[in-house]
Protein backbone atom coordinates (compact mmCIF):
# COMPACT_ATOMS: atom_id res chain seq x y z
CA MET A 1 38.84 93.51 -33.15
CA PRO A 2 37.61 90.33 -31.47
CA TYR A 3 40.25 87.70 -30.86
CA GLN A 4 39.79 84.02 -31.60
CA VAL A 5 40.34 81.80 -28.55
CA LEU A 6 42.20 78.51 -29.00
CA TYR A 7 42.78 75.92 -26.25
CA HIS A 8 45.71 73.65 -25.39
CA PRO A 9 44.51 70.01 -25.24
CA ASP A 10 45.18 69.81 -21.47
CA VAL A 11 42.70 72.62 -20.71
CA LYS A 12 39.89 70.08 -21.04
CA ARG A 13 41.38 68.15 -18.12
CA ASP A 14 41.75 71.39 -16.12
CA LEU A 15 38.09 72.26 -16.58
CA ALA A 16 36.94 68.79 -15.50
CA ARG A 17 38.35 69.49 -12.01
CA ILE A 18 36.43 72.77 -11.56
CA ASN A 19 32.89 73.10 -10.18
CA VAL A 20 30.01 74.33 -12.36
CA THR A 21 29.70 77.79 -10.79
CA MET A 22 33.37 78.58 -11.32
CA LYS A 23 33.23 77.22 -14.88
CA LYS A 24 30.51 79.76 -15.66
CA ARG A 25 32.63 82.59 -14.21
CA LEU A 26 35.65 81.46 -16.22
CA LYS A 27 33.62 81.20 -19.43
CA LYS A 28 32.21 84.67 -18.94
CA ALA A 29 35.68 86.12 -18.26
CA ILE A 30 37.10 84.49 -21.38
CA GLU A 31 34.23 85.69 -23.57
CA THR A 32 34.12 89.25 -22.25
CA ARG A 33 37.76 89.99 -21.44
CA LEU A 34 40.10 87.75 -23.42
CA MET A 35 38.14 87.91 -26.66
CA ALA A 36 37.95 91.72 -26.45
CA ALA A 37 41.28 92.98 -25.06
CA PRO A 38 43.61 90.37 -23.57
CA GLU A 39 46.51 92.79 -23.02
CA GLN A 40 44.27 95.15 -21.06
CA TYR A 41 42.89 92.53 -18.66
CA GLY A 42 45.90 90.22 -18.42
CA GLU A 43 49.23 90.61 -16.65
CA PRO A 44 52.49 89.64 -18.36
CA LEU A 45 54.45 86.83 -16.75
CA ARG A 46 58.17 87.12 -16.05
CA LYS A 47 61.37 85.08 -16.00
CA THR A 48 60.96 81.64 -17.59
CA LEU A 49 57.37 82.38 -18.63
CA LYS A 50 58.18 85.66 -20.38
CA GLY A 51 55.93 86.17 -23.39
CA TYR A 52 52.94 84.57 -21.69
CA TRP A 53 50.14 86.31 -19.83
CA LYS A 54 47.89 85.48 -16.89
CA MET A 55 44.40 86.57 -15.94
CA ARG A 56 42.98 86.05 -12.49
CA VAL A 57 39.41 84.79 -12.01
CA GLY A 58 38.75 84.05 -8.34
CA ASP A 59 41.36 81.56 -7.14
CA TYR A 60 42.09 80.38 -10.68
CA ARG A 61 44.61 81.65 -13.20
CA ILE A 62 44.15 81.54 -16.95
CA VAL A 63 47.57 81.38 -18.62
CA PHE A 64 47.55 82.44 -22.25
CA LYS A 65 49.62 83.80 -25.11
CA VAL A 66 48.53 86.40 -27.66
CA SER A 67 49.61 85.53 -31.17
CA GLY A 68 48.32 87.84 -33.89
CA GLY A 69 44.53 87.65 -33.77
CA ASP A 70 44.53 84.51 -31.61
CA VAL A 71 44.58 84.00 -27.86
CA VAL A 72 45.93 80.54 -27.02
CA ILE A 73 44.92 79.37 -23.54
CA PHE A 74 47.46 76.96 -22.06
CA GLY A 75 45.87 76.35 -18.70
CA VAL A 76 43.08 77.14 -16.26
CA ILE A 77 44.60 76.07 -12.96
CA HIS A 78 44.17 76.85 -9.27
CA ARG A 79 46.61 79.50 -8.07
CA LYS A 80 48.47 77.08 -5.76
CA ALA A 81 49.64 74.81 -8.56
CA VAL A 82 49.49 76.96 -11.67
CA TYR A 83 53.19 77.69 -12.25
CA GLU A 84 54.52 74.18 -11.67
CA GLU A 85 51.77 72.69 -13.84
CA ILE A 86 51.99 75.22 -16.64
CA SER A 87 55.74 74.85 -17.14
CA LYS A 88 55.16 71.19 -18.07
CA ARG A 89 52.99 72.22 -21.05
CA PHE A 90 55.60 74.15 -23.01
C-alpha cells in the first residue's frame, strides 16, 4: 500500500537551504522509502518526540509521523540542528 506524503509548511524553507544534489537524494529517498514502507526504513524517536520517526539521508534527517495512510513530514534538517528546530514545529 503506497502512502501519501504530506508536508509541514516549514519544510519548504528547509529545502531552500539545501543544495540541488542533496535535494535529489532526499526526493528519491522520500519516493522510494517513505512512500513504500516508512516503518521499515525509519527509526522511532524517543522521549519528548515519542510517536515521531526519523530517516537519515546523508547528513540530513527527515522527521515524520505515520498517520493511517499518510506520512506527514515535519522537517528536513541538517543533523546538527534537527532536534532543536523540530521541537519548535509541534
